[in-house]
Protein backbone atom coordinates (compact mmCIF):
# COMPACT_ATOMS: atom_id res chain seq x y z
CA GLN A 1 112.58 96.87 5.60
CA VAL A 2 112.27 93.18 4.28
CA GLN A 3 114.23 92.45 1.10
CA LEU A 4 113.70 90.06 -1.82
CA VAL A 5 116.28 88.47 -3.93
CA GLU A 6 115.53 86.38 -6.64
CA SER A 7 118.05 84.17 -8.70
CA GLY A 8 118.11 81.17 -10.85
CA GLY A 9 116.90 82.53 -14.31
CA GLY A 10 118.36 82.10 -17.37
CA LEU A 11 117.93 81.11 -20.89
CA VAL A 12 116.56 77.49 -21.70
CA GLN A 13 115.15 75.56 -24.47
CA PRO A 14 111.72 74.39 -24.71
CA GLY A 15 110.98 71.32 -22.30
CA GLY A 16 113.95 72.27 -20.07
CA SER A 17 113.99 73.08 -16.56
CA LEU A 18 115.00 75.76 -14.52
CA ARG A 19 114.95 76.21 -10.25
CA LEU A 20 114.29 79.62 -9.13
CA SER A 21 115.49 80.78 -5.63
CA CYS A 22 113.96 83.80 -3.39
CA THR A 23 115.87 84.91 -0.40
CA VAL A 24 114.01 86.86 1.95
CA SER A 25 116.16 89.09 4.46
CA GLY A 26 113.42 88.74 7.03
CA THR A 27 111.84 85.59 8.50
CA ILE A 28 109.19 83.89 6.65
CA PHE A 29 107.59 81.75 9.62
CA GLY A 30 103.84 82.18 9.52
CA ILE A 31 104.27 84.15 6.07
CA TYR A 32 101.98 83.03 3.26
CA MET A 33 104.42 83.23 0.13
CA ALA A 34 103.83 83.30 -3.92
CA TRP A 35 105.62 83.56 -7.09
CA TYR A 36 104.79 85.87 -9.78
CA ARG A 37 105.80 86.72 -13.15
CA GLN A 38 105.55 89.68 -15.64
CA ALA A 39 106.11 89.07 -19.35
CA PRO A 40 106.91 91.98 -21.74
CA GLY A 41 103.84 94.31 -22.25
CA GLU A 42 101.70 92.17 -19.61
CA GLN A 43 100.38 92.71 -16.10
CA ARG A 44 102.10 90.65 -13.32
CA GLU A 45 100.29 87.38 -12.80
CA LEU A 46 100.31 84.82 -9.73
CA VAL A 47 101.94 81.66 -10.83
CA ALA A 48 102.00 79.57 -7.28
CA ARG A 49 101.57 80.10 -3.86
CA ILE A 50 102.41 78.08 -0.57
CA THR A 51 100.93 78.45 2.91
CA THR A 52 102.77 78.14 6.20
CA GLY A 53 101.62 74.55 6.41
CA SER A 54 103.09 74.13 2.93
CA THR A 55 99.70 73.75 0.89
CA THR A 56 100.44 74.64 -2.38
CA ASN A 57 98.30 76.07 -5.34
CA TYR A 58 98.90 76.97 -8.86
CA SER A 59 97.86 78.91 -11.71
CA ASP A 60 96.18 76.88 -14.61
CA SER A 61 98.97 77.72 -17.04
CA VAL A 62 101.72 76.12 -14.93
CA LYS A 63 99.67 73.56 -12.98
CA GLY A 64 101.52 69.94 -13.39
CA ARG A 65 104.82 71.66 -14.51
CA PHE A 66 105.98 73.85 -11.60
CA THR A 67 106.63 73.31 -8.01
CA ILE A 68 106.59 75.76 -5.33
CA SER A 69 108.46 74.82 -1.99
CA ARG A 70 109.56 76.69 1.23
CA ASP A 71 112.54 76.45 3.54
CA ASN A 72 111.67 78.41 6.79
CA VAL A 73 114.82 78.02 8.38
CA LYS A 74 116.95 79.21 5.51
CA GLY A 75 114.03 81.87 4.79
CA ALA A 76 114.01 80.92 1.09
CA VAL A 77 110.96 79.84 -1.36
CA TYR A 78 111.78 77.96 -4.52
CA LEU A 79 110.01 77.53 -7.84
CA GLN A 80 110.90 74.27 -9.71
CA MET A 81 109.95 74.82 -13.52
CA ASP A 82 109.83 71.67 -15.51
CA SER A 83 108.55 71.15 -19.27
CA LEU A 84 109.06 74.86 -20.05
CA LYS A 85 107.30 76.52 -22.88
CA PRO A 86 108.07 79.84 -24.77
CA GLU A 87 104.96 81.39 -23.04
CA ASP A 88 106.65 81.04 -19.52
CA THR A 89 109.20 83.64 -20.72
CA ALA A 90 108.96 86.57 -18.15
CA VAL A 91 110.38 88.21 -15.15
CA TYR A 92 109.84 85.94 -12.09
CA TYR A 93 109.33 87.62 -8.50
CA CYS A 94 108.42 86.34 -5.00
CA ASN A 95 106.38 88.20 -2.64
CA ASN A 96 104.30 87.96 0.74
CA TYR A 97 100.97 86.79 -0.82
CA ARG A 98 98.62 88.47 2.04
CA SER A 99 100.91 91.56 2.57
CA PRO A 100 103.20 92.36 -0.21
CA TRP A 101 106.71 94.00 0.74
CA SER A 102 108.37 96.13 -1.71
CA TRP A 103 109.18 94.14 -5.01
CA GLY A 104 112.83 92.64 -5.95
CA GLN A 105 114.34 92.82 -9.11
CA GLY A 106 113.28 89.60 -10.16
CA THR A 107 114.95 87.06 -12.32
CA GLN A 108 114.58 86.60 -16.06
CA VAL A 109 113.52 83.36 -17.56
CA THR A 110 113.90 83.23 -21.32
CA VAL A 111 112.51 79.97 -22.90
CA SER A 112 113.48 79.79 -26.57
CA SER A 113 115.45 77.47 -29.14
């Protein structure tokens, strides 16, 4: 069973940056990966995705501020988050975009002054 471990979250001031990491217990070669987030009282939403060829796509709310990347050898996916806003506050998760595995625990990101 594939396990997902997200890390790198924390408390940051508006305008700050964080880099999230997602480690996958299995291989991510050939896997279309994505980052999601879930704010309190809200449904989980897609934030960014990256194909096996590293083509990326972002939600309108994060476009130009977030960057998704992957390291197939390490089995890891990253999310560089810049110019953070309070509305980015959420628990962030990664997963297989086309055939989701069991969700990890996520990593909390809080943007507040």
